[in-house]
Amino acid sequence: MTTTTESREPADRGGRPIPMRRTLGILTAAAALVLTASCGSSSSSSVATDPGRGPASDPAGNPTWSPGPITGATVLPLISQTAAGGTASPAATALTSAEDLDRFVHQFRMPAMQNRVRAAVDRALKVPDRVVVAQVVAVGCDRPPGVTVMAGADGRPQLVPQEVASPLEECLAPVTTVAVATLPVD
Protein backbone atom coordinates (compact mmCIF):
# COMPACT_ATOMS: atom_id res chain seq x y z
CA MET A 1 0.00 0.00 0.00
CA THR A 2 1.39 3.34 -0.97
CA THR A 3 0.68 6.47 0.89
CA THR A 4 0.53 9.85 -0.70
CA THR A 5 1.43 13.03 1.01
CA GLU A 6 -0.86 15.92 0.51
CA SER A 7 0.73 19.32 0.17
CA ARG A 8 -1.02 22.18 1.83
CA GLU A 9 -0.37 25.84 1.93
CA PRO A 10 0.61 27.28 5.29
CA ALA A 11 -2.22 28.49 7.45
CA ASP A 12 -3.07 32.18 7.37
CA ARG A 13 -0.95 33.93 9.92
CA GLY A 14 -2.74 37.22 10.14
CA GLY A 15 -1.67 38.52 6.73
CA ARG A 16 -4.16 40.06 4.40
CA PRO A 17 -4.35 39.63 0.64
CA ILE A 18 -3.35 42.61 -1.42
CA PRO A 19 -5.51 43.20 -4.50
CA MET A 20 -3.58 43.15 -7.77
CA ARG A 21 -3.43 46.57 -9.40
CA ARG A 22 -2.56 47.57 -12.92
CA THR A 23 -0.11 50.20 -11.79
CA LEU A 24 2.89 47.90 -12.12
CA GLY A 25 1.80 46.84 -15.61
CA ILE A 26 1.25 50.45 -16.69
CA LEU A 27 4.62 51.50 -15.30
CA THR A 28 6.34 48.57 -17.01
CA ALA A 29 4.69 49.42 -20.33
CA ALA A 30 5.62 53.08 -19.96
CA ALA A 31 9.23 52.17 -19.15
CA ALA A 32 9.36 49.89 -22.20
CA LEU A 33 7.97 52.69 -24.38
CA VAL A 34 10.54 55.17 -23.08
CA LEU A 35 13.33 52.63 -23.53
CA THR A 36 12.19 51.83 -27.07
CA ALA A 37 11.94 55.51 -27.98
CA SER A 38 15.42 56.21 -26.64
CA CYS A 39 17.04 53.38 -28.64
CA GLY A 40 17.20 55.36 -31.89
CA SER A 41 20.49 55.96 -33.61
CA SER A 42 22.41 59.15 -33.04
CA SER A 43 21.66 60.20 -36.61
CA SER A 44 17.88 59.99 -36.10
CA SER A 45 17.73 63.63 -35.03
CA SER A 46 18.94 64.68 -38.46
CA VAL A 47 15.48 63.86 -39.86
CA ALA A 48 13.70 66.23 -37.50
CA THR A 49 12.55 69.60 -38.65
CA ASP A 50 13.59 73.11 -37.85
CA PRO A 51 10.96 74.96 -35.80
CA GLY A 52 8.34 76.52 -38.03
CA ARG A 53 9.18 74.47 -41.13
CA GLY A 54 6.76 71.56 -40.58
CA PRO A 55 7.61 67.90 -40.72
CA ALA A 56 10.49 66.38 -42.63
CA SER A 57 10.30 62.84 -44.02
CA ASP A 58 12.18 59.67 -43.29
CA PRO A 59 13.61 57.62 -46.18
CA ALA A 60 10.25 55.82 -46.59
CA GLY A 61 8.45 59.18 -46.99
CA ASN A 62 6.73 59.13 -43.58
CA PRO A 63 6.55 62.56 -41.91
CA THR A 64 8.75 63.12 -38.85
CA TRP A 65 8.87 65.88 -36.23
CA SER A 66 11.32 67.12 -33.61
CA PRO A 67 11.09 64.99 -30.43
CA GLY A 68 8.58 66.23 -27.85
CA PRO A 69 5.00 67.51 -27.98
CA ILE A 70 3.65 68.26 -31.45
CA THR A 71 2.05 71.69 -31.28
CA GLY A 72 -1.01 72.31 -33.39
CA ALA A 73 -2.11 68.67 -33.39
CA THR A 74 -5.83 67.96 -33.25
CA VAL A 75 -7.12 64.69 -31.76
CA LEU A 76 -10.50 63.44 -32.95
CA PRO A 77 -12.82 61.69 -30.48
CA LEU A 78 -11.44 58.28 -29.51
CA ILE A 79 -13.03 55.25 -31.17
CA SER A 80 -13.62 52.27 -28.86
CA GLN A 81 -15.32 48.94 -29.41
CA THR A 82 -15.47 45.70 -27.46
CA ALA A 83 -13.85 42.63 -29.05
CA ALA A 84 -12.79 44.53 -32.18
CA GLY A 85 -9.29 43.03 -32.34
CA GLY A 86 -6.20 44.97 -33.28
CA THR A 87 -2.86 45.37 -31.56
CA ALA A 88 -1.70 48.35 -29.50
CA SER A 89 1.22 50.11 -31.14
CA PRO A 90 3.91 52.42 -29.73
CA ALA A 91 3.81 54.75 -32.77
CA ALA A 92 1.13 56.22 -35.01
CA THR A 93 0.64 55.24 -38.64
CA ALA A 94 0.51 57.98 -41.26
CA LEU A 95 -2.57 57.51 -43.43
CA THR A 96 -1.53 59.27 -46.63
CA SER A 97 -3.28 56.95 -49.11
CA ALA A 98 -6.24 54.60 -49.43
CA GLU A 99 -3.80 51.68 -49.24
CA ASP A 100 -2.44 52.95 -45.91
CA LEU A 101 -5.98 53.14 -44.52
CA ASP A 102 -6.83 49.65 -45.85
CA ARG A 103 -3.74 48.18 -44.16
CA PHE A 104 -4.53 49.93 -40.88
CA VAL A 105 -8.20 48.84 -40.64
CA HIS A 106 -7.41 45.27 -41.77
CA GLN A 107 -6.28 44.46 -38.20
CA PHE A 108 -9.84 44.83 -36.85
CA ARG A 109 -12.08 41.77 -37.03
CA MET A 110 -15.26 43.77 -36.53
CA PRO A 111 -16.56 45.55 -39.68
CA ALA A 112 -18.21 48.16 -37.43
CA MET A 113 -14.79 49.18 -36.08
CA GLN A 114 -13.32 49.29 -39.59
CA ASN A 115 -16.19 51.53 -40.73
CA ARG A 116 -15.92 53.87 -37.73
CA VAL A 117 -12.17 54.35 -38.27
CA ARG A 118 -12.66 54.90 -42.02
CA ALA A 119 -15.36 57.52 -41.35
CA ALA A 120 -13.15 59.39 -38.86
CA VAL A 121 -10.17 59.36 -41.24
CA ASP A 122 -12.36 60.51 -44.15
CA ARG A 123 -13.51 63.51 -42.06
CA ALA A 124 -9.92 64.27 -41.04
CA LEU A 125 -8.65 64.13 -44.63
CA LYS A 126 -10.97 67.01 -45.57
CA VAL A 127 -8.84 69.42 -43.52
CA PRO A 128 -6.18 70.96 -45.80
CA ASP A 129 -2.46 71.09 -44.96
CA ARG A 130 -2.68 68.35 -42.32
CA VAL A 131 -1.21 64.87 -41.99
CA VAL A 132 -3.65 62.25 -40.68
CA VAL A 133 -2.32 59.59 -38.32
CA ALA A 134 -4.02 56.76 -36.44
CA GLN A 135 -2.91 54.39 -33.71
CA VAL A 136 -4.39 51.60 -31.61
CA VAL A 137 -3.65 53.13 -28.21
CA ALA A 138 -5.20 50.49 -25.94
CA VAL A 139 -6.56 46.95 -26.00
CA GLY A 140 -7.82 45.94 -22.58
CA CYS A 141 -10.45 46.50 -19.93
CA ASP A 142 -10.25 50.29 -19.92
CA ARG A 143 -10.76 53.10 -22.41
CA PRO A 144 -8.23 55.91 -21.92
CA PRO A 145 -9.79 59.35 -21.36
CA GLY A 146 -7.66 60.90 -24.10
CA VAL A 147 -4.25 60.93 -25.76
CA THR A 148 -1.25 63.24 -25.86
CA VAL A 149 0.39 63.82 -29.24
CA MET A 150 4.16 63.49 -29.08
CA ALA A 151 7.08 62.85 -31.42
CA GLY A 152 9.42 60.10 -30.28
CA ALA A 153 13.21 60.23 -30.36
CA ASP A 154 13.01 58.93 -33.95
CA GLY A 155 10.67 61.81 -34.95
CA ARG A 156 7.68 59.55 -35.54
CA PRO A 157 4.35 60.69 -34.08
CA GLN A 158 3.00 58.85 -31.04
CA LEU A 159 -0.48 59.10 -29.59
CA VAL A 160 0.24 58.38 -25.93
CA PRO A 161 -2.85 57.29 -23.95
CA GLN A 162 -3.63 59.17 -20.77
CA GLU A 163 -3.86 57.17 -17.55
CA VAL A 164 -7.25 55.81 -16.52
CA ALA A 165 -8.32 57.20 -13.14
CA SER A 166 -9.99 54.00 -11.86
CA PRO A 167 -8.79 51.03 -13.92
CA LEU A 168 -10.95 47.91 -13.95
CA GLU A 169 -9.34 44.82 -12.50
CA GLU A 170 -10.99 42.43 -14.95
CA CYS A 171 -13.35 42.42 -17.89
CA LEU A 172 -15.25 39.92 -20.00
CA ALA A 173 -13.83 41.08 -23.34
CA PRO A 174 -11.09 43.53 -24.24
CA VAL A 175 -11.97 46.97 -25.55
CA THR A 176 -9.95 48.27 -28.51
CA THR A 177 -9.38 52.03 -28.56
CA VAL A 178 -8.13 53.87 -31.66
CA ALA A 179 -6.98 57.49 -31.74
CA VAL A 180 -7.00 59.53 -34.96
CA ALA A 181 -5.22 62.88 -35.10
CA THR A 182 -4.36 65.54 -37.63
CA LEU A 183 -0.90 67.07 -37.49
CA PRO A 184 0.29 70.35 -38.97
CA VAL A 185 2.32 70.27 -42.17
CA ASP A 186 3.62 73.85 -41.91
C-alpha atoms as a PDB file:
ATOM      1  CA  MET A   1       0.000   0.000   0.000  1.00  0.00           C
ATOM      2  CA  THR A   2       1.385   3.341  -0.975  1.00  0.00           C
ATOM      3  CA  THR A   3       0.678   6.475   0.891  1.00  0.00           C
ATOM      4  CA  THR A   4       0.528   9.854  -0.698  1.00  0.00           C
ATOM      5  CA  THR A   5       1.426  13.030   1.008  1.00  0.00           C
ATOM      6  CA  GLU A   6      -0.858  15.916   0.510  1.00  0.00           C
ATOM      7  CA  SER A   7       0.729  19.320   0.169  1.00  0.00           C
ATOM      8  CA  ARG A   8      -1.025  22.176   1.832  1.00  0.00           C
ATOM      9  CA  GLU A   9      -0.369  25.838   1.935  1.00  0.00           C
ATOM     10  CA  PRO A  10       0.611  27.278   5.292  1.00  0.00           C
ATOM     11  CA  ALA A  11      -2.220  28.486   7.451  1.00  0.00           C
ATOM     12  CA  ASP A  12      -3.067  32.183   7.366  1.00  0.00           C
ATOM     13  CA  ARG A  13      -0.949  33.935   9.923  1.00  0.00           C
ATOM     14  CA  GLY A  14      -2.743  37.218  10.136  1.00  0.00           C
ATOM     15  CA  GLY A  15      -1.673  38.516   6.731  1.00  0.00           C
ATOM     16  CA  ARG A  16      -4.156  40.059   4.399  1.00  0.00           C
ATOM     17  CA  PRO A  17      -4.347  39.628   0.642  1.00  0.00           C
ATOM     18  CA  ILE A  18      -3.346  42.613  -1.419  1.00  0.00           C
ATOM     19  CA  PRO A  19      -5.511  43.197  -4.501  1.00  0.00           C
ATOM     20  CA  MET A  20      -3.578  43.149  -7.774  1.00  0.00           C
ATOM     21  CA  ARG A  21      -3.431  46.572  -9.403  1.00  0.00           C
ATOM     22  CA  ARG A  22      -2.562  47.567 -12.916  1.00  0.00           C
ATOM     23  CA  THR A  23      -0.107  50.201 -11.786  1.00  0.00           C
ATOM     24  CA  LEU A  24       2.893  47.897 -12.120  1.00  0.00           C
ATOM     25  CA  GLY A  25       1.798  46.844 -15.615  1.00  0.00           C
ATOM     26  CA  ILE A  26       1.250  50.446 -16.687  1.00  0.00           C
ATOM     27  CA  LEU A  27       4.618  51.501 -15.298  1.00  0.00           C
ATOM     28  CA  THR A  28       6.339  48.569 -17.010  1.00  0.00           C
ATOM     29  CA  ALA A  29       4.690  49.419 -20.333  1.00  0.00           C
ATOM     30  CA  ALA A  30       5.624  53.084 -19.962  1.00  0.00           C
ATOM     31  CA  ALA A  31       9.225  52.174 -19.153  1.00  0.00           C
ATOM     32  CA  ALA A  32       9.357  49.894 -22.195  1.00  0.00           C
ATOM     33  CA  LEU A  33       7.967  52.689 -24.380  1.00  0.00           C
ATOM     34  CA  VAL A  34      10.540  55.169 -23.084  1.00  0.00           C
ATOM     35  CA  LEU A  35      13.325  52.629 -23.531  1.00  0.00           C
ATOM     36  CA  THR A  36      12.186  51.827 -27.069  1.00  0.00           C
ATOM     37  CA  ALA A  37      11.939  55.505 -27.977  1.00  0.00           C
ATOM     38  CA  SER A  38      15.418  56.206 -26.636  1.00  0.00           C
ATOM     39  CA  CYS A  39      17.036  53.384 -28.636  1.00  0.00           C
ATOM     40  CA  GLY A  40      17.203  55.359 -31.886  1.00  0.00           C
ATOM     41  CA  SER A  41      20.493  55.961 -33.609  1.00  0.00           C
ATOM     42  CA  SER A  42      22.405  59.148 -33.041  1.00  0.00           C
ATOM     43  CA  SER A  43      21.656  60.204 -36.606  1.00  0.00           C
ATOM     44  CA  SER A  44      17.881  59.993 -36.104  1.00  0.00           C
ATOM     45  CA  SER A  45      17.731  63.626 -35.032  1.00  0.00           C
ATOM     46  CA  SER A  46      18.939  64.682 -38.462  1.00  0.00           C
ATOM     47  CA  VAL A  47      15.475  63.856 -39.863  1.00  0.00           C
ATOM     48  CA  ALA A  48      13.703  66.234 -37.497  1.00  0.00           C
ATOM     49  CA  THR A  49      12.550  69.604 -38.653  1.00  0.00           C
ATOM     50  CA  ASP A  50      13.591  73.107 -37.848  1.00  0.00           C
ATOM     51  CA  PRO A  51      10.962  74.956 -35.804  1.00  0.00           C
ATOM     52  CA  GLY A  52       8.340  76.515 -38.028  1.00  0.00           C
ATOM     53  CA  ARG A  53       9.183  74.467 -41.133  1.00  0.00           C
ATOM     54  CA  GLY A  54       6.756  71.565 -40.583  1.00  0.00           C
ATOM     55  CA  PRO A  55       7.610  67.895 -40.719  1.00  0.00           C
ATOM     56  CA  ALA A  56      10.486  66.384 -42.629  1.00  0.00           C
ATOM     57  CA  SER A  57      10.298  62.842 -44.019  1.00  0.00           C
ATOM     58  CA  ASP A  58      12.183  59.668 -43.287  1.00  0.00           C
ATOM     59  CA  PRO A  59      13.610  57.622 -46.178  1.00  0.00           C
ATOM     60  CA  ALA A  60      10.245  55.820 -46.593  1.00  0.00           C
ATOM     61  CA  GLY A  61       8.454  59.176 -46.991  1.00  0.00           C
ATOM     62  CA  ASN A  62       6.733  59.130 -43.576  1.00  0.00           C
ATOM     63  CA  PRO A  63       6.551  62.563 -41.907  1.00  0.00           C
ATOM     64  CA  THR A  64       8.753  63.119 -38.847  1.00  0.00           C
ATOM     65  CA  TRP A  65       8.875  65.880 -36.233  1.00  0.00           C
ATOM     66  CA  SER A  66      11.321  67.116 -33.611  1.00  0.00           C
ATOM     67  CA  PRO A  67      11.087  64.989 -30.429  1.00  0.00           C
ATOM     68  CA  GLY A  68       8.581  66.230 -27.849  1.00  0.00           C
ATOM     69  CA  PRO A  69       5.003  67.511 -27.979  1.00  0.00           C
ATOM     70  CA  ILE A  70       3.648  68.261 -31.448  1.00  0.00           C
ATOM     71  CA  THR A  71       2.050  71.695 -31.278  1.00  0.00           C
ATOM     72  CA  GLY A  72      -1.014  72.313 -33.393  1.00  0.00           C
ATOM     73  CA  ALA A  73      -2.111  68.671 -33.386  1.00  0.00           C
ATOM     74  CA  THR A  74      -5.833  67.955 -33.250  1.00  0.00           C
ATOM     75  CA  VAL A  75      -7.117  64.690 -31.763  1.00  0.00           C
ATOM     76  CA  LEU A  76     -10.503  63.443 -32.948  1.00  0.00           C
ATOM     77  CA  PRO A  77     -12.824  61.689 -30.480  1.00  0.00           C
ATOM     78  CA  LEU A  78     -11.440  58.281 -29.510  1.00  0.00           C
ATOM     79  CA  ILE A  79     -13.028  55.253 -31.169  1.00  0.00           C
ATOM     80  CA  SER A  80     -13.618  52.267 -28.856  1.00  0.00           C
ATOM     81  CA  GLN A  81     -15.323  48.938 -29.408  1.00  0.00           C
ATOM     82  CA  THR A  82     -15.467  45.702 -27.457  1.00  0.00           C
ATOM     83  CA  ALA A  83     -13.847  42.630 -29.047  1.00  0.00           C
ATOM     84  CA  ALA A  84     -12.793  44.528 -32.180  1.00  0.00           C
ATOM     85  CA  GLY A  85      -9.291  43.027 -32.342  1.00  0.00           C
ATOM     86  CA  GLY A  86      -6.197  44.966 -33.277  1.00  0.00           C
ATOM     87  CA  THR A  87      -2.857  45.368 -31.560  1.00  0.00           C
ATOM     88  CA  ALA A  88      -1.699  48.349 -29.500  1.00  0.00           C
ATOM     89  CA  SER A  89       1.220  50.112 -31.143  1.00  0.00           C
ATOM     90  CA  PRO A  90       3.910  52.419 -29.730  1.00  0.00           C
ATOM     91  CA  ALA A  91       3.806  54.747 -32.772  1.00  0.00           C
ATOM     92  CA  ALA A  92       1.125  56.225 -35.010  1.00  0.00           C
ATOM     93  CA  THR A  93       0.642  55.236 -38.640  1.00  0.00           C
ATOM     94  CA  ALA A  94       0.513  57.979 -41.258  1.00  0.00           C
ATOM     95  CA  LEU A  95      -2.566  57.509 -43.426  1.00  0.00           C
ATOM     96  CA  THR A  96      -1.527  59.269 -46.630  1.00  0.00           C
ATOM     97  CA  SER A  97      -3.280  56.951 -49.114  1.00  0.00           C
ATOM     98  CA  ALA A  98      -6.243  54.603 -49.434  1.00  0.00           C
ATOM     99  CA  GLU A  99      -3.803  51.678 -49.242  1.00  0.00           C
ATOM    100  CA  ASP A 100      -2.438  52.955 -45.910  1.00  0.00           C
ATOM    101  CA  LEU A 101      -5.976  53.139 -44.525  1.00  0.00           C
ATOM    102  CA  ASP A 102      -6.834  49.654 -45.848  1.00  0.00           C
ATOM    103  CA  ARG A 103      -3.737  48.176 -44.163  1.00  0.00           C
ATOM    104  CA  PHE A 104      -4.533  49.933 -40.884  1.00  0.00           C
ATOM    105  CA  VAL A 105      -8.196  48.837 -40.638  1.00  0.00           C
ATOM    106  CA  HIS A 106      -7.409  45.271 -41.773  1.00  0.00           C
ATOM    107  CA  GLN A 107      -6.278  44.463 -38.198  1.00  0.00           C
ATOM    108  CA  PHE A 108      -9.837  44.831 -36.853  1.00  0.00           C
ATOM    109  CA  ARG A 109     -12.077  41.766 -37.027  1.00  0.00           C
ATOM    110  CA  MET A 110     -15.263  43.771 -36.529  1.00  0.00           C
ATOM    111  CA  PRO A 111     -16.560  45.550 -39.675  1.00  0.00           C
ATOM    112  CA  ALA A 112     -18.207  48.157 -37.435  1.00  0.00           C
ATOM    113  CA  MET A 113     -14.788  49.175 -36.079  1.00  0.00           C
ATOM    114  CA  GLN A 114     -13.321  49.292 -39.585  1.00  0.00           C
ATOM    115  CA  ASN A 115     -16.190  51.530 -40.732  1.00  0.00           C
ATOM    116  CA  ARG A 116     -15.924  53.874 -37.731  1.00  0.00           C
ATOM    117  CA  VAL A 117     -12.172  54.348 -38.266  1.00  0.00           C
ATOM    118  CA  ARG A 118     -12.661  54.896 -42.018  1.00  0.00           C
ATOM    119  CA  ALA A 119     -15.359  57.523 -41.353  1.00  0.00           C
ATOM    120  CA  ALA A 120     -13.146  59.387 -38.859  1.00  0.00           C
ATOM    121  CA  VAL A 121     -10.168  59.356 -41.235  1.00  0.00           C
ATOM    122  CA  ASP A 122     -12.356  60.514 -44.150  1.00  0.00           C
ATOM    123  CA  ARG A 123     -13.510  63.508 -42.056  1.00  0.00           C
ATOM    124  CA  ALA A 124      -9.917  64.269 -41.045  1.00  0.00           C
ATOM    125  CA  LEU A 125      -8.650  64.125 -44.631  1.00  0.00           C
ATOM    126  CA  LYS A 126     -10.970  67.009 -45.568  1.00  0.00           C
ATOM    127  CA  VAL A 127      -8.839  69.418 -43.518  1.00  0.00           C
ATOM    128  CA  PRO A 128      -6.180  70.963 -45.798  1.00  0.00           C
ATOM    129  CA  ASP A 129      -2.457  71.090 -44.955  1.00  0.00           C
ATOM    130  CA  ARG A 130      -2.677  68.350 -42.324  1.00  0.00           C
ATOM    131  CA  VAL A 131      -1.207  64.868 -41.987  1.00  0.00           C
ATOM    132  CA  VAL A 132      -3.651  62.250 -40.684  1.00  0.00           C
ATOM    133  CA  VAL A 133      -2.316  59.585 -38.317  1.00  0.00           C
ATOM    134  CA  ALA A 134      -4.021  56.756 -36.437  1.00  0.00           C
ATOM    135  CA  GLN A 135      -2.908  54.387 -33.708  1.00  0.00           C
ATOM    136  CA  VAL A 136      -4.392  51.602 -31.606  1.00  0.00           C
ATOM    137  CA  VAL A 137      -3.654  53.134 -28.206  1.00  0.00           C
ATOM    138  CA  ALA A 138      -5.204  50.487 -25.945  1.00  0.00           C
ATOM    139  CA  VAL A 139      -6.556  46.953 -25.997  1.00  0.00           C
ATOM    140  CA  GLY A 140      -7.816  45.944 -22.575  1.00  0.00           C
ATOM    141  CA  CYS A 141     -10.450  46.502 -19.928  1.00  0.00           C
ATOM    142  CA  ASP A 142     -10.254  50.291 -19.925  1.00  0.00           C
ATOM    143  CA  ARG A 143     -10.755  53.103 -22.412  1.00  0.00           C
ATOM    144  CA  PRO A 144      -8.233  55.912 -21.917  1.00  0.00           C
ATOM    145  CA  PRO A 145      -9.794  59.349 -21.356  1.00  0.00           C
ATOM    146  CA  GLY A 146      -7.664  60.903 -24.100  1.00  0.00           C
ATOM    147  CA  VAL A 147      -4.253  60.935 -25.758  1.00  0.00           C
ATOM    148  CA  THR A 148      -1.252  63.240 -25.861  1.00  0.00           C
ATOM    149  CA  VAL A 149       0.385  63.821 -29.245  1.00  0.00           C
ATOM    150  CA  MET A 150       4.161  63.490 -29.078  1.00  0.00           C
ATOM    151  CA  ALA A 151       7.077  62.854 -31.417  1.00  0.00           C
ATOM    152  CA  GLY A 152       9.416  60.103 -30.277  1.00  0.00           C
ATOM    153  CA  ALA A 153      13.211  60.228 -30.364  1.00  0.00           C
ATOM    154  CA  ASP A 154      13.006  58.934 -33.951  1.00  0.00           C
ATOM    155  CA  GLY A 155      10.670  61.815 -34.950  1.00  0.00           C
ATOM    156  CA  ARG A 156       7.676  59.550 -35.542  1.00  0.00           C
ATOM    157  CA  PRO A 157       4.345  60.691 -34.078  1.00  0.00           C
ATOM    158  CA  GLN A 158       3.005  58.851 -31.044  1.00  0.00           C
ATOM    159  CA  LEU A 159      -0.483  59.104 -29.590  1.00  0.00           C
ATOM    160  CA  VAL A 160       0.236  58.383 -25.933  1.00  0.00           C
ATOM    161  CA  PRO A 161      -2.850  57.290 -23.952  1.00  0.00           C
ATOM    162  CA  GLN A 162      -3.628  59.170 -20.767  1.00  0.00           C
ATOM    163  CA  GLU A 163      -3.857  57.168 -17.550  1.00  0.00           C
ATOM    164  CA  VAL A 164      -7.250  55.811 -16.525  1.00  0.00           C
ATOM    165  CA  ALA A 165      -8.318  57.199 -13.139  1.00  0.00           C
ATOM    166  CA  SER A 166      -9.994  53.997 -11.864  1.00  0.00           C
ATOM    167  CA  PRO A 167      -8.794  51.028 -13.916  1.00  0.00           C
ATOM    168  CA  LEU A 168     -10.946  47.911 -13.948  1.00  0.00           C
ATOM    169  CA  GLU A 169      -9.341  44.820 -12.500  1.00  0.00           C
ATOM    170  CA  GLU A 170     -10.987  42.429 -14.946  1.00  0.00           C
ATOM    171  CA  CYS A 171     -13.349  42.422 -17.893  1.00  0.00           C
ATOM    172  CA  LEU A 172     -15.254  39.918 -20.001  1.00  0.00           C
ATOM    173  CA  ALA A 173     -13.830  41.075 -23.344  1.00  0.00           C
ATOM    174  CA  PRO A 174     -11.089  43.532 -24.241  1.00  0.00           C
ATOM    175  CA  VAL A 175     -11.970  46.967 -25.547  1.00  0.00           C
ATOM    176  CA  THR A 176      -9.949  48.267 -28.510  1.00  0.00           C
ATOM    177  CA  THR A 177      -9.379  52.028 -28.563  1.00  0.00           C
ATOM    178  CA  VAL A 178      -8.129  53.868 -31.658  1.00  0.00           C
ATOM    179  CA  ALA A 179      -6.981  57.486 -31.743  1.00  0.00           C
ATOM    180  CA  VAL A 180      -6.999  59.531 -34.956  1.00  0.00           C
ATOM    181  CA  ALA A 181      -5.218  62.876 -35.104  1.00  0.00           C
ATOM    182  CA  THR A 182      -4.359  65.538 -37.634  1.00  0.00           C
ATOM    183  CA  LEU A 183      -0.897  67.067 -37.487  1.00  0.00           C
ATOM    184  CA  PRO A 184       0.286  70.346 -38.974  1.00  0.00           C
ATOM    185  CA  VAL A 185       2.324  70.266 -42.168  1.00  0.00           C
ATOM    186  CA  ASP A 186       3.625  73.846 -41.913  1.00  0.00           C
END
